[in-house]
Every structure is written in structure tokens, then in C-alpha cells.
N, C-alpha and C. Protein backbone atom coordinates (compact mmCIF):
# COMPACT_ATOMS: atom_id res chain seq x y z
N MET A 1 56.48 123.22 123.15
CA MET A 1 56.56 121.85 122.68
C MET A 1 57.38 121.75 121.39
N ILE A 2 57.13 122.69 120.48
CA ILE A 2 57.85 122.70 119.21
C ILE A 2 59.32 122.98 119.45
N LYS A 3 59.61 123.90 120.39
CA LYS A 3 61.01 124.18 120.72
C LYS A 3 61.70 122.94 121.27
N LEU A 4 61.01 122.20 122.11
CA LEU A 4 61.56 120.99 122.70
C LEU A 4 61.85 119.94 121.63
N LEU A 5 60.91 119.74 120.73
CA LEU A 5 61.10 118.79 119.64
C LEU A 5 62.23 119.24 118.71
N SER A 6 62.27 120.51 118.41
CA SER A 6 63.34 121.04 117.55
C SER A 6 64.70 120.82 118.19
N THR A 7 64.80 121.10 119.48
CA THR A 7 66.06 120.90 120.20
C THR A 7 66.44 119.42 120.21
N PHE A 8 65.47 118.56 120.42
CA PHE A 8 65.72 117.12 120.44
C PHE A 8 66.25 116.64 119.09
N PHE A 9 65.58 117.02 118.01
CA PHE A 9 66.02 116.57 116.68
C PHE A 9 67.35 117.19 116.28
N PHE A 10 67.59 118.43 116.68
CA PHE A 10 68.87 119.06 116.39
C PHE A 10 69.99 118.33 117.14
N SER A 11 69.72 117.93 118.38
CA SER A 11 70.70 117.17 119.16
C SER A 11 71.00 115.83 118.51
N LEU A 12 69.96 115.16 118.06
CA LEU A 12 70.16 113.88 117.36
C LEU A 12 70.99 114.08 116.09
N PHE A 13 70.72 115.17 115.38
CA PHE A 13 71.48 115.47 114.16
C PHE A 13 72.96 115.67 114.50
N LEU A 14 73.24 116.44 115.54
CA LEU A 14 74.63 116.69 115.93
C LEU A 14 75.34 115.40 116.36
N ILE A 15 74.64 114.58 117.11
CA ILE A 15 75.23 113.31 117.56
C ILE A 15 75.51 112.42 116.35
N GLY A 16 74.55 112.33 115.43
CA GLY A 16 74.73 111.52 114.22
C GLY A 16 75.87 112.03 113.36
N THR A 17 75.96 113.35 113.22
CA THR A 17 77.02 113.94 112.41
C THR A 17 78.38 113.68 113.04
N SER A 18 78.48 113.86 114.34
CA SER A 18 79.79 113.65 114.98
C SER A 18 80.18 112.18 114.93
N PHE A 19 79.20 111.26 115.02
CA PHE A 19 79.52 109.85 114.90
C PHE A 19 80.01 109.53 113.50
N ALA A 20 79.32 110.06 112.49
CA ALA A 20 79.74 109.81 111.11
C ALA A 20 81.13 110.36 110.86
N GLN A 21 81.41 111.53 111.38
CA GLN A 21 82.73 112.12 111.19
C GLN A 21 83.79 111.32 111.93
N SER A 22 83.49 110.84 113.11
CA SER A 22 84.48 110.08 113.86
C SER A 22 84.78 108.75 113.17
N GLN A 23 83.83 108.22 112.42
CA GLN A 23 84.05 106.96 111.72
C GLN A 23 84.87 107.16 110.44
N LYS A 24 84.90 108.37 109.92
CA LYS A 24 85.68 108.63 108.71
C LYS A 24 87.17 108.67 108.99
N ASN A 25 87.55 108.83 110.23
CA ASN A 25 88.97 108.95 110.53
C ASN A 25 89.59 107.62 110.97
N ILE A 26 88.88 106.53 110.77
CA ILE A 26 89.46 105.22 111.09
C ILE A 26 89.83 104.51 109.80
N PHE A 27 90.79 103.62 109.88
CA PHE A 27 91.23 102.89 108.71
C PHE A 27 90.21 101.83 108.30
N PHE A 28 89.74 101.04 109.25
CA PHE A 28 88.69 100.05 109.00
C PHE A 28 88.05 99.72 110.33
N ASP A 29 86.83 99.22 110.29
CA ASP A 29 86.17 98.90 111.54
C ASP A 29 85.88 97.40 111.67
N GLN A 30 85.41 97.04 112.82
CA GLN A 30 85.21 95.63 113.19
C GLN A 30 84.25 94.91 112.25
N LYS A 31 83.29 95.63 111.70
CA LYS A 31 82.29 94.97 110.83
C LYS A 31 82.91 94.41 109.56
N ASN A 32 84.14 94.86 109.22
CA ASN A 32 84.82 94.36 108.02
C ASN A 32 85.60 93.07 108.27
N LEU A 33 85.61 92.61 109.50
CA LEU A 33 86.44 91.45 109.85
C LEU A 33 85.63 90.16 109.89
N VAL A 34 86.27 89.08 109.52
CA VAL A 34 85.67 87.76 109.55
C VAL A 34 85.51 87.35 111.02
N ASN A 35 84.36 86.77 111.34
CA ASN A 35 84.07 86.39 112.73
C ASN A 35 84.50 84.98 113.09
N LYS A 36 84.59 84.11 112.10
CA LYS A 36 84.84 82.70 112.40
C LYS A 36 85.78 82.10 111.37
N PHE A 37 86.67 81.27 111.86
CA PHE A 37 87.55 80.49 110.98
C PHE A 37 87.05 79.05 110.96
N HIS A 38 87.38 78.33 109.92
CA HIS A 38 86.81 77.00 109.71
C HIS A 38 87.88 75.93 109.58
N THR A 39 87.44 74.71 109.85
CA THR A 39 88.29 73.56 109.59
C THR A 39 87.92 73.03 108.21
N ILE A 40 88.77 72.21 107.67
CA ILE A 40 88.49 71.62 106.36
C ILE A 40 87.21 70.78 106.41
N ASP A 41 86.99 70.09 107.51
CA ASP A 41 85.78 69.26 107.65
C ASP A 41 84.52 70.11 107.62
N GLU A 42 84.55 71.26 108.32
CA GLU A 42 83.38 72.16 108.32
C GLU A 42 83.10 72.66 106.91
N LEU A 43 84.15 73.04 106.20
CA LEU A 43 83.98 73.57 104.85
C LEU A 43 83.48 72.51 103.88
N GLU A 44 83.97 71.29 104.02
CA GLU A 44 83.55 70.22 103.12
C GLU A 44 82.08 69.86 103.29
N ASP A 45 81.51 70.20 104.44
CA ASP A 45 80.09 69.93 104.69
C ASP A 45 79.17 71.01 104.12
N LEU A 46 79.73 72.14 103.67
CA LEU A 46 78.93 73.25 103.17
C LEU A 46 78.65 73.10 101.68
N LYS A 47 77.55 73.73 101.26
CA LYS A 47 77.20 73.77 99.84
C LYS A 47 78.04 74.84 99.15
N LYS A 48 78.14 74.73 97.85
CA LYS A 48 78.99 75.64 97.08
C LYS A 48 78.59 77.11 97.28
N GLY A 49 77.31 77.39 97.34
CA GLY A 49 76.84 78.77 97.55
C GLY A 49 77.34 79.36 98.87
N ASP A 50 77.31 78.55 99.93
CA ASP A 50 77.81 79.00 101.23
C ASP A 50 79.32 79.20 101.19
N LEU A 51 80.01 78.33 100.47
CA LEU A 51 81.46 78.45 100.33
C LEU A 51 81.82 79.74 99.59
N ILE A 52 81.06 80.06 98.57
CA ILE A 52 81.34 81.28 97.81
C ILE A 52 81.13 82.52 98.67
N LYS A 53 80.13 82.47 99.55
CA LYS A 53 79.91 83.59 100.47
C LYS A 53 81.11 83.75 101.40
N LEU A 54 81.61 82.65 101.96
CA LEU A 54 82.79 82.70 102.83
C LEU A 54 84.01 83.19 102.06
N TYR A 55 84.16 82.71 100.86
CA TYR A 55 85.26 83.12 99.97
C TYR A 55 85.25 84.64 99.79
N THR A 56 84.08 85.17 99.49
CA THR A 56 83.92 86.61 99.26
C THR A 56 84.24 87.41 100.53
N GLU A 57 83.77 86.96 101.68
CA GLU A 57 84.03 87.66 102.94
C GLU A 57 85.53 87.73 103.23
N ARG A 58 86.24 86.67 102.96
CA ARG A 58 87.68 86.63 103.25
C ARG A 58 88.45 87.54 102.29
N ILE A 59 88.04 87.56 101.02
CA ILE A 59 88.64 88.47 100.05
C ILE A 59 88.42 89.92 100.50
N ASN A 60 87.21 90.21 100.97
CA ASN A 60 86.90 91.57 101.43
C ASN A 60 87.82 91.99 102.57
N GLU A 61 87.97 91.15 103.58
CA GLU A 61 88.82 91.53 104.72
C GLU A 61 90.26 91.78 104.27
N ILE A 62 90.79 90.89 103.47
CA ILE A 62 92.17 91.04 103.02
C ILE A 62 92.32 92.33 102.22
N THR A 63 91.38 92.60 101.33
CA THR A 63 91.44 93.79 100.49
C THR A 63 91.35 95.07 101.31
N ILE A 64 90.55 95.06 102.34
CA ILE A 64 90.37 96.25 103.18
C ILE A 64 91.59 96.51 104.06
N ILE A 65 92.18 95.48 104.62
CA ILE A 65 93.24 95.65 105.61
C ILE A 65 94.63 95.82 105.00
N LEU A 66 94.92 95.14 103.92
CA LEU A 66 96.29 95.14 103.37
C LEU A 66 96.90 96.53 103.15
N PRO A 67 96.17 97.50 102.62
CA PRO A 67 96.81 98.81 102.41
C PRO A 67 97.31 99.47 103.70
N TYR A 68 96.72 99.11 104.82
CA TYR A 68 97.05 99.74 106.10
C TYR A 68 97.96 98.89 106.98
N LEU A 69 98.40 97.76 106.48
CA LEU A 69 99.11 96.79 107.30
C LEU A 69 100.37 97.36 107.95
N ALA A 70 101.08 98.24 107.29
CA ALA A 70 102.27 98.84 107.88
C ALA A 70 101.91 99.83 108.99
N LEU A 71 100.66 100.28 109.02
CA LEU A 71 100.22 101.22 110.05
C LEU A 71 99.53 100.52 111.21
N THR A 72 98.63 99.60 110.89
CA THR A 72 97.88 98.91 111.94
C THR A 72 97.23 97.66 111.38
N ASN A 73 97.00 96.71 112.26
CA ASN A 73 96.23 95.52 111.89
C ASN A 73 94.99 95.40 112.78
N GLU A 74 94.70 96.46 113.53
CA GLU A 74 93.57 96.46 114.46
C GLU A 74 92.44 97.33 113.95
N ALA A 75 91.22 96.85 114.15
CA ALA A 75 90.04 97.60 113.75
C ALA A 75 89.83 98.80 114.67
N GLY A 76 89.26 99.85 114.11
CA GLY A 76 88.89 101.02 114.90
C GLY A 76 90.02 101.98 115.20
N VAL A 77 91.19 101.77 114.64
CA VAL A 77 92.32 102.67 114.89
C VAL A 77 92.11 103.96 114.10
N LYS A 78 92.23 105.08 114.81
CA LYS A 78 92.06 106.39 114.19
C LYS A 78 93.41 106.90 113.70
N LEU A 79 93.34 107.85 112.81
CA LEU A 79 94.56 108.49 112.32
C LEU A 79 95.39 109.01 113.49
N SER A 80 94.72 109.70 114.40
CA SER A 80 95.44 110.31 115.53
C SER A 80 96.05 109.27 116.47
N ASP A 81 95.50 108.06 116.48
CA ASP A 81 96.04 107.00 117.35
C ASP A 81 97.46 106.61 116.96
N ILE A 82 97.81 106.82 115.70
CA ILE A 82 99.15 106.45 115.26
C ILE A 82 99.98 107.68 114.86
N GLY A 83 99.51 108.85 115.31
CA GLY A 83 100.30 110.06 115.13
C GLY A 83 100.08 110.80 113.82
N ILE A 84 99.02 110.49 113.10
CA ILE A 84 98.72 111.20 111.85
C ILE A 84 97.70 112.29 112.17
N LYS A 85 98.01 113.53 111.75
CA LYS A 85 97.07 114.63 111.99
C LYS A 85 95.77 114.37 111.25
N GLU A 86 94.69 114.69 111.91
CA GLU A 86 93.37 114.52 111.30
C GLU A 86 92.96 115.81 110.61
N ASN A 87 93.77 116.26 109.68
CA ASN A 87 93.44 117.48 108.93
C ASN A 87 92.57 117.11 107.73
N SER A 88 92.09 118.14 107.05
CA SER A 88 91.13 117.89 105.97
C SER A 88 91.75 117.08 104.83
N ASP A 89 93.03 117.29 104.53
CA ASP A 89 93.67 116.53 103.45
C ASP A 89 93.72 115.04 103.77
N HIS A 90 94.13 114.71 104.98
CA HIS A 90 94.21 113.31 105.38
C HIS A 90 92.83 112.66 105.43
N LEU A 91 91.85 113.39 105.96
CA LEU A 91 90.50 112.85 106.03
C LEU A 91 89.90 112.66 104.64
N LYS A 92 90.15 113.60 103.73
CA LYS A 92 89.67 113.45 102.35
C LYS A 92 90.32 112.26 101.68
N SER A 93 91.61 112.10 101.89
CA SER A 93 92.34 110.99 101.28
C SER A 93 91.80 109.65 101.78
N LEU A 94 91.59 109.55 103.09
CA LEU A 94 91.07 108.32 103.68
C LEU A 94 89.65 108.05 103.19
N ASP A 95 88.83 109.09 103.15
CA ASP A 95 87.45 108.94 102.68
C ASP A 95 87.43 108.52 101.21
N LYS A 96 88.29 109.11 100.40
CA LYS A 96 88.38 108.75 98.99
C LYS A 96 88.79 107.28 98.84
N HIS A 97 89.76 106.86 99.64
CA HIS A 97 90.19 105.46 99.57
C HIS A 97 89.06 104.52 99.98
N HIS A 98 88.31 104.89 101.03
CA HIS A 98 87.18 104.05 101.45
C HIS A 98 86.15 103.93 100.33
N THR A 99 85.86 105.04 99.67
CA THR A 99 84.88 105.03 98.58
C THR A 99 85.35 104.15 97.43
N ILE A 100 86.61 104.29 97.06
CA ILE A 100 87.16 103.49 95.96
C ILE A 100 87.18 102.01 96.33
N THR A 101 87.54 101.72 97.57
CA THR A 101 87.59 100.33 98.03
C THR A 101 86.20 99.69 98.00
N ILE A 102 85.19 100.43 98.42
CA ILE A 102 83.82 99.91 98.40
C ILE A 102 83.41 99.57 96.96
N LYS A 103 83.72 100.46 96.02
CA LYS A 103 83.40 100.20 94.61
C LYS A 103 84.17 98.98 94.09
N ALA A 104 85.44 98.90 94.46
CA ALA A 104 86.25 97.75 94.02
C ALA A 104 85.70 96.45 94.58
N LEU A 105 85.30 96.47 95.85
CA LEU A 105 84.76 95.26 96.47
C LEU A 105 83.43 94.85 95.83
N GLU A 106 82.62 95.82 95.45
CA GLU A 106 81.36 95.51 94.76
C GLU A 106 81.66 94.84 93.42
N ASN A 107 82.66 95.37 92.71
CA ASN A 107 83.07 94.79 91.43
C ASN A 107 83.62 93.38 91.64
N THR A 108 84.47 93.22 92.64
CA THR A 108 85.05 91.92 92.94
C THR A 108 83.98 90.91 93.30
N LYS A 109 83.01 91.34 94.07
CA LYS A 109 81.91 90.45 94.45
C LYS A 109 81.16 89.97 93.22
N GLY A 110 80.96 90.87 92.26
CA GLY A 110 80.29 90.49 91.01
C GLY A 110 81.10 89.48 90.22
N VAL A 111 82.40 89.70 90.14
CA VAL A 111 83.28 88.77 89.41
C VAL A 111 83.29 87.41 90.09
N ILE A 112 83.37 87.42 91.43
CA ILE A 112 83.35 86.16 92.17
C ILE A 112 82.04 85.42 91.93
N ALA A 113 80.93 86.14 92.02
CA ALA A 113 79.62 85.51 91.82
C ALA A 113 79.48 84.95 90.41
N GLU A 114 80.13 85.57 89.45
CA GLU A 114 80.02 85.12 88.07
C GLU A 114 80.92 83.93 87.75
N PHE A 115 82.14 83.92 88.29
CA PHE A 115 83.11 82.91 87.86
C PHE A 115 83.39 81.80 88.87
N ILE A 116 83.40 82.10 90.16
CA ILE A 116 83.79 81.10 91.15
C ILE A 116 82.84 79.90 91.20
N PRO A 117 81.56 80.04 90.87
CA PRO A 117 80.72 78.84 90.84
C PRO A 117 81.22 77.76 89.87
N TYR A 118 82.03 78.14 88.91
CA TYR A 118 82.59 77.17 87.97
C TYR A 118 83.80 76.44 88.54
N ALA A 119 84.33 76.92 89.66
CA ALA A 119 85.51 76.29 90.27
C ALA A 119 85.11 74.98 90.95
N ASP A 120 86.07 74.08 91.04
CA ASP A 120 85.84 72.85 91.79
C ASP A 120 85.65 73.21 93.26
N THR A 121 84.71 72.54 93.91
CA THR A 121 84.44 72.79 95.32
C THR A 121 85.70 72.62 96.15
N GLU A 122 86.50 71.62 95.82
CA GLU A 122 87.75 71.37 96.55
C GLU A 122 88.69 72.58 96.49
N LYS A 123 88.74 73.23 95.34
CA LYS A 123 89.62 74.40 95.19
C LYS A 123 89.07 75.61 95.94
N ILE A 124 87.76 75.73 96.02
CA ILE A 124 87.17 76.82 96.80
C ILE A 124 87.48 76.62 98.27
N VAL A 125 87.35 75.39 98.74
CA VAL A 125 87.68 75.06 100.14
C VAL A 125 89.14 75.40 100.41
N TRP A 126 90.04 74.98 99.52
CA TRP A 126 91.46 75.26 99.67
C TRP A 126 91.72 76.76 99.74
N ALA A 127 91.06 77.52 98.85
CA ALA A 127 91.25 78.97 98.81
C ALA A 127 90.77 79.62 100.11
N ILE A 128 89.64 79.19 100.63
CA ILE A 128 89.12 79.75 101.89
C ILE A 128 90.11 79.48 103.01
N LEU A 129 90.60 78.26 103.10
CA LEU A 129 91.58 77.93 104.14
C LEU A 129 92.85 78.78 103.99
N TYR A 130 93.28 78.99 102.76
CA TYR A 130 94.45 79.81 102.49
C TYR A 130 94.20 81.26 102.92
N PHE A 131 93.05 81.82 102.53
CA PHE A 131 92.72 83.18 102.93
C PHE A 131 92.64 83.31 104.44
N GLU A 132 92.08 82.32 105.10
CA GLU A 132 91.99 82.37 106.56
C GLU A 132 93.36 82.36 107.21
N GLU A 133 94.30 81.64 106.64
CA GLU A 133 95.68 81.66 107.16
C GLU A 133 96.30 83.04 106.98
N ILE A 134 96.05 83.66 105.84
CA ILE A 134 96.56 85.02 105.62
C ILE A 134 95.96 85.97 106.65
N ILE A 135 94.66 85.87 106.87
CA ILE A 135 93.98 86.74 107.83
C ILE A 135 94.54 86.52 109.24
N LYS A 136 94.76 85.28 109.61
CA LYS A 136 95.35 85.00 110.92
C LYS A 136 96.72 85.65 111.06
N LYS A 137 97.53 85.57 110.01
CA LYS A 137 98.86 86.19 110.03
C LYS A 137 98.74 87.71 110.15
N ILE A 138 97.81 88.27 109.42
CA ILE A 138 97.58 89.72 109.51
C ILE A 138 97.20 90.11 110.94
N ARG A 139 96.34 89.35 111.56
CA ARG A 139 95.88 89.67 112.92
C ARG A 139 96.97 89.48 113.96
N ILE A 140 97.86 88.54 113.73
CA ILE A 140 98.97 88.36 114.67
C ILE A 140 99.84 89.60 114.69
N GLY A 141 100.10 90.16 113.54
CA GLY A 141 100.85 91.40 113.44
C GLY A 141 102.35 91.19 113.43
N VAL A 142 103.05 92.30 113.40
CA VAL A 142 104.52 92.30 113.26
C VAL A 142 105.22 91.64 114.45
N ASN A 143 104.64 91.71 115.61
CA ASN A 143 105.25 91.13 116.80
C ASN A 143 104.81 89.68 117.04
N GLY A 144 104.03 89.17 116.12
CA GLY A 144 103.53 87.81 116.26
C GLY A 144 104.53 86.77 115.81
N ASN A 145 104.04 85.60 115.71
CA ASN A 145 104.88 84.45 115.39
C ASN A 145 104.70 84.07 113.93
N PHE A 146 105.36 84.76 113.02
CA PHE A 146 105.19 84.46 111.60
C PHE A 146 105.91 83.19 111.31
């Protein structure tokens, strides 16, 4: 019984480790992307707190994707998918960038939470719409209709 449990937990550990490693070799994943775009009417009906949350989410997506834009605009793309060797140097570099980006986004979120509430609601709405247009252009990609 103990051998069976040990084998089971070891298998779970290996599966978890391989999943974590496979996620380190991607540029960004789907969870970093905005799920919904809004009209000006929808945004004007929201409270300032909700607008600030949307504002922050859009800043996050743009910040995460822009460094990789010349390589890919699609979530889940691995280094090997675009011809980059998945050696330890490349994986360390990507992991380091992910770590730094997470820290930068935490800092940015704090700055947004501190200062954006002082902005006019109309300007927050305008900024969200602007960010959404940028995101749409990013998603269209190089072969899209700029």
C-alpha cells in the first residue's frame, strides 16, 4: 500500500514538474489576455472602481505582450515553435524576464491604484478604449489590417 501511494505521489510530482517546466518556455499564456472589449456606453455605466480594474488589466496585457511582438502575438507559443532552442540560457533569460515583469506589474498596479482614482472618469474611459484598440491591433498581427 505504501509503495502504491509513494508511486502515485511521485507520478503526480513528475507531472507537476513537467507542466511547470513546459510553461516556462512560453512567452505568455492565455490567462494574461483580456477576455472582453467594451463600448463607450458600457464603460460609462460602470463605477470608477470597476473602470480602474479594467484599466489595470489592459495595461497588464500590453506590458506582457509588447516585448515579444516581433516574435509572436499569440498566447502559448513556445520558444521551439518559432525556432529558438530551449537551452538553459534561453530558458533562464525568459524566466528572468517573467519574474521582472511580474514585479513591474505589481508596482504598476500599486501606482494605478494610488493615482488613477484622481483622474476624471471620462479620461479613464477614453484610456480604456485606447488600450483596447492597441490590444486589438496587437492581436491582428503583422498580416492584419493596420
